[in-house]
Amino acid sequence: MSRLEVISRERLRACSNQEINLFESSSRIILPSDFKDFCRVFGTGSFGEFVDIFCPPDVEFSREISDNLRQALEMLRETDIRFESRAADDVLENALIFGADQTQDYFLWDLRAYSLEDDSYDIYFVKVNSPKAYLVGRSFSEFVTEYCLGERAFDVLPESLHPSKDGIQQTFTAEGLA
């Protein structure tokens, strides 16, 4: 990646250590270190016109986002989604949605796949309407550089789900604060 342009129409709303710690303790979920670092620097926002990322407190504490994520998980549970190595119910019962694309399909971590070795979880892209799930990687840092800002989506998704080349931009638009 050559250079990332960060756009914020208001003051950048990065997460504090306290918010991240509160999220981890209340949810009993270990967030990957690279994701926590990202949230401390950038916070919730969008890569180009392609991927939205939700950081604490937005993942859990924002009622609107939290309700939407719960509804999305409920919708996903009612579908016949196929995950590569696990039953859909196992993954969805133990999943954390941390992102979405512009069509409101979701990126989630399979919380049962955590490893201390790499401090990561399996990352899935879940197409709600199909319904299908695609393993897109493990490392959040690689997800950002290779998937959100690169062309990994063209390698892991079927052609019908490829993003617009115009949508993949070297920009991150932070939600910010008023």
Protein backbone atom coordinates (compact mmCIF):
# COMPACT_ATOMS: atom_id res chain seq x y z
CA MET A 1 0.00 0.00 0.00
CA SER A 2 1.42 3.35 -0.95
CA ARG A 3 -0.49 5.82 1.22
CA LEU A 4 -3.78 5.90 3.10
CA GLU A 5 -5.75 9.14 3.08
CA VAL A 6 -7.79 9.59 6.27
CA ILE A 7 -10.90 11.72 5.87
CA SER A 8 -12.84 13.04 8.82
CA ARG A 9 -15.41 15.80 8.46
CA GLU A 10 -15.40 16.21 12.23
CA ARG A 11 -12.98 15.39 15.02
CA LEU A 12 -11.60 11.86 14.72
CA ARG A 13 -13.31 9.48 17.17
CA ALA A 14 -10.68 6.90 18.05
CA CYS A 15 -11.32 4.44 20.89
CA SER A 16 -9.76 4.81 24.29
CA ASN A 17 -8.05 1.97 26.13
CA GLN A 18 -10.86 2.20 28.69
CA GLU A 19 -13.56 1.67 26.03
CA ILE A 20 -11.72 -1.31 24.58
CA ASN A 21 -11.11 -2.84 28.03
CA LEU A 22 -14.75 -2.28 28.99
CA PHE A 23 -15.90 -3.98 25.79
CA GLU A 24 -13.60 -6.96 26.35
CA SER A 25 -14.57 -7.40 29.99
CA SER A 26 -18.32 -7.00 29.47
CA SER A 27 -18.46 -9.20 26.36
CA ARG A 28 -15.75 -11.66 27.50
CA ILE A 29 -14.27 -11.42 24.00
CA ILE A 30 -10.56 -10.97 23.38
CA LEU A 31 -10.12 -8.52 20.53
CA PRO A 32 -7.07 -9.08 18.31
CA SER A 33 -4.24 -6.66 19.14
CA ASP A 34 -4.04 -5.32 15.60
CA PHE A 35 -7.79 -4.55 15.67
CA LYS A 36 -7.43 -2.77 19.02
CA ASP A 37 -4.51 -0.73 17.61
CA PHE A 38 -6.64 0.18 14.58
CA CYS A 39 -9.53 1.28 16.83
CA ARG A 40 -7.20 3.38 19.00
CA VAL A 41 -5.91 5.23 15.93
CA PHE A 42 -8.92 5.44 13.59
CA GLY A 43 -12.16 4.29 15.24
CA THR A 44 -15.32 3.35 13.33
CA GLY A 45 -15.39 4.29 9.66
CA SER A 46 -15.25 3.17 6.02
CA PHE A 47 -12.57 2.06 3.60
CA GLY A 48 -13.41 3.70 0.28
CA GLU A 49 -16.93 2.78 -0.75
CA PHE A 50 -16.32 -0.85 0.10
CA VAL A 51 -16.03 -1.88 3.78
CA ASP A 52 -17.34 -0.35 7.03
CA ILE A 53 -15.49 -1.23 10.26
CA PHE A 54 -17.16 -1.03 13.68
CA CYS A 55 -14.97 -0.40 16.72
CA PRO A 56 -15.90 -0.33 20.40
CA PRO A 57 -18.00 1.26 21.67
CA ASP A 58 -19.88 1.11 18.35
CA VAL A 59 -19.75 -2.69 18.12
CA GLU A 60 -21.58 -3.20 21.39
CA PHE A 61 -22.66 0.03 23.01
CA SER A 62 -24.32 1.97 20.22
CA ARG A 63 -27.93 0.81 20.42
CA GLU A 64 -28.63 1.36 16.72
CA ILE A 65 -25.60 -0.59 15.51
CA SER A 66 -25.96 -3.22 18.21
CA ASP A 67 -29.63 -3.81 17.34
CA ASN A 68 -28.77 -4.01 13.64
CA LEU A 69 -26.00 -6.51 14.32
CA ARG A 70 -28.26 -8.65 16.51
CA GLN A 71 -30.95 -8.61 13.81
CA ALA A 72 -28.33 -9.53 11.21
CA LEU A 73 -27.13 -12.49 13.31
CA GLU A 74 -30.74 -13.63 13.76
CA MET A 75 -31.32 -13.41 9.99
CA LEU A 76 -28.10 -15.34 9.37
CA ARG A 77 -29.15 -18.08 11.81
CA GLU A 78 -32.35 -18.60 9.83
CA THR A 79 -30.48 -19.16 6.56
CA ASP A 80 -28.66 -22.23 5.31
CA ILE A 81 -25.18 -20.69 5.37
CA ARG A 82 -22.27 -23.02 4.80
CA PHE A 83 -18.95 -22.30 6.51
CA GLU A 84 -15.80 -24.01 5.32
CA SER A 85 -14.97 -26.03 8.41
CA ARG A 86 -17.73 -25.50 10.96
CA ALA A 87 -21.49 -25.80 11.18
CA ALA A 88 -23.21 -22.47 10.66
CA ASP A 89 -24.96 -22.55 14.03
CA ASP A 90 -21.63 -23.08 15.82
CA VAL A 91 -20.06 -20.11 14.06
CA LEU A 92 -23.06 -17.81 14.41
CA GLU A 93 -23.54 -18.61 18.08
CA ASN A 94 -19.90 -17.65 18.58
CA ALA A 95 -19.45 -14.76 16.18
CA LEU A 96 -18.70 -11.08 16.43
CA ILE A 97 -19.62 -8.90 13.49
CA PHE A 98 -17.00 -6.18 13.13
CA GLY A 99 -17.76 -4.88 9.65
CA ALA A 100 -20.16 -4.67 6.74
CA ASP A 101 -20.01 -3.95 3.05
CA GLN A 102 -22.16 -1.39 1.27
CA THR A 103 -24.93 -3.95 0.62
CA GLN A 104 -25.14 -4.75 4.35
CA ASP A 105 -23.51 -8.14 4.14
CA TYR A 106 -21.20 -8.76 7.08
CA PHE A 107 -17.64 -9.47 8.17
CA LEU A 108 -17.36 -11.51 11.33
CA TRP A 109 -14.89 -13.31 13.50
CA ASP A 110 -15.48 -16.94 14.38
CA LEU A 111 -14.79 -16.59 18.10
CA ARG A 112 -14.11 -20.32 18.47
CA ALA A 113 -11.14 -20.02 16.13
CA TYR A 114 -9.01 -17.79 18.38
CA SER A 115 -5.36 -18.70 18.68
CA LEU A 116 -2.83 -17.23 21.09
CA GLU A 117 -0.13 -17.92 18.49
CA ASP A 118 -1.41 -15.36 16.03
CA ASP A 119 -3.81 -13.43 18.33
CA SER A 120 -6.53 -13.76 15.67
CA TYR A 121 -9.77 -15.39 14.62
CA ASP A 122 -10.95 -16.71 11.26
CA ILE A 123 -12.55 -13.82 9.36
CA TYR A 124 -15.63 -14.58 7.25
CA PHE A 125 -17.55 -12.51 4.75
CA VAL A 126 -21.20 -13.55 5.05
CA LYS A 127 -23.51 -12.90 2.13
CA VAL A 128 -26.96 -12.74 3.73
CA ASN A 129 -29.15 -13.01 0.62
CA SER A 130 -27.31 -15.95 -0.99
CA PRO A 131 -26.71 -17.23 1.83
CA LYS A 132 -23.04 -18.14 1.85
CA ALA A 133 -19.95 -17.52 3.94
CA TYR A 134 -16.44 -17.04 2.59
CA LEU A 135 -13.26 -17.35 4.64
CA VAL A 136 -11.27 -14.21 3.83
CA GLY A 137 -8.36 -14.60 6.25
CA ARG A 138 -7.30 -14.35 9.90
CA SER A 139 -5.16 -11.29 10.51
CA PHE A 140 -7.09 -8.02 10.83
CA SER A 141 -4.04 -6.08 9.56
CA GLU A 142 -3.86 -8.26 6.46
CA PHE A 143 -7.64 -7.96 6.06
CA VAL A 144 -7.26 -4.16 5.93
CA THR A 145 -4.23 -4.04 3.62
CA GLU A 146 -5.07 -6.94 1.32
CA TYR A 147 -8.88 -7.02 1.34
CA CYS A 148 -10.15 -3.51 2.15
CA LEU A 149 -7.36 -1.63 0.36
CA GLY A 150 -6.07 -4.35 -1.95
CA GLU A 151 -7.48 -6.93 -4.30
CA ARG A 152 -7.80 -10.02 -2.09
CA ALA A 153 -11.60 -9.90 -2.53
CA PHE A 154 -11.01 -10.87 -6.15
CA ASP A 155 -9.14 -13.99 -4.98
CA VAL A 156 -11.53 -15.23 -2.27
CA LEU A 157 -14.98 -14.26 -3.57
CA PRO A 158 -16.80 -15.53 -6.65
CA GLU A 159 -16.87 -13.13 -9.58
CA SER A 160 -20.50 -12.20 -8.92
CA LEU A 161 -19.44 -10.73 -5.55
CA HIS A 162 -16.38 -8.82 -6.69
CA PRO A 163 -16.42 -5.21 -5.54
CA SER A 164 -16.35 -2.33 -7.95
CA LYS A 165 -12.76 -1.40 -8.75
CA ASP A 166 -13.84 2.21 -8.12
CA GLY A 167 -15.06 1.25 -4.64
CA ILE A 168 -11.60 0.13 -3.53
CA GLN A 169 -9.84 3.37 -2.69
CA GLN A 170 -6.84 4.20 -0.55
CA THR A 171 -9.06 6.18 1.82
CA PHE A 172 -10.51 5.72 5.26
CA THR A 173 -13.42 7.95 6.22
CA ALA A 174 -13.74 8.20 9.98
CA GLU A 175 -17.19 8.69 11.48
CA GLY A 176 -15.83 11.28 13.88
CA LEU A 177 -17.61 13.33 16.53
CA ALA A 178 -19.70 16.43 16.15
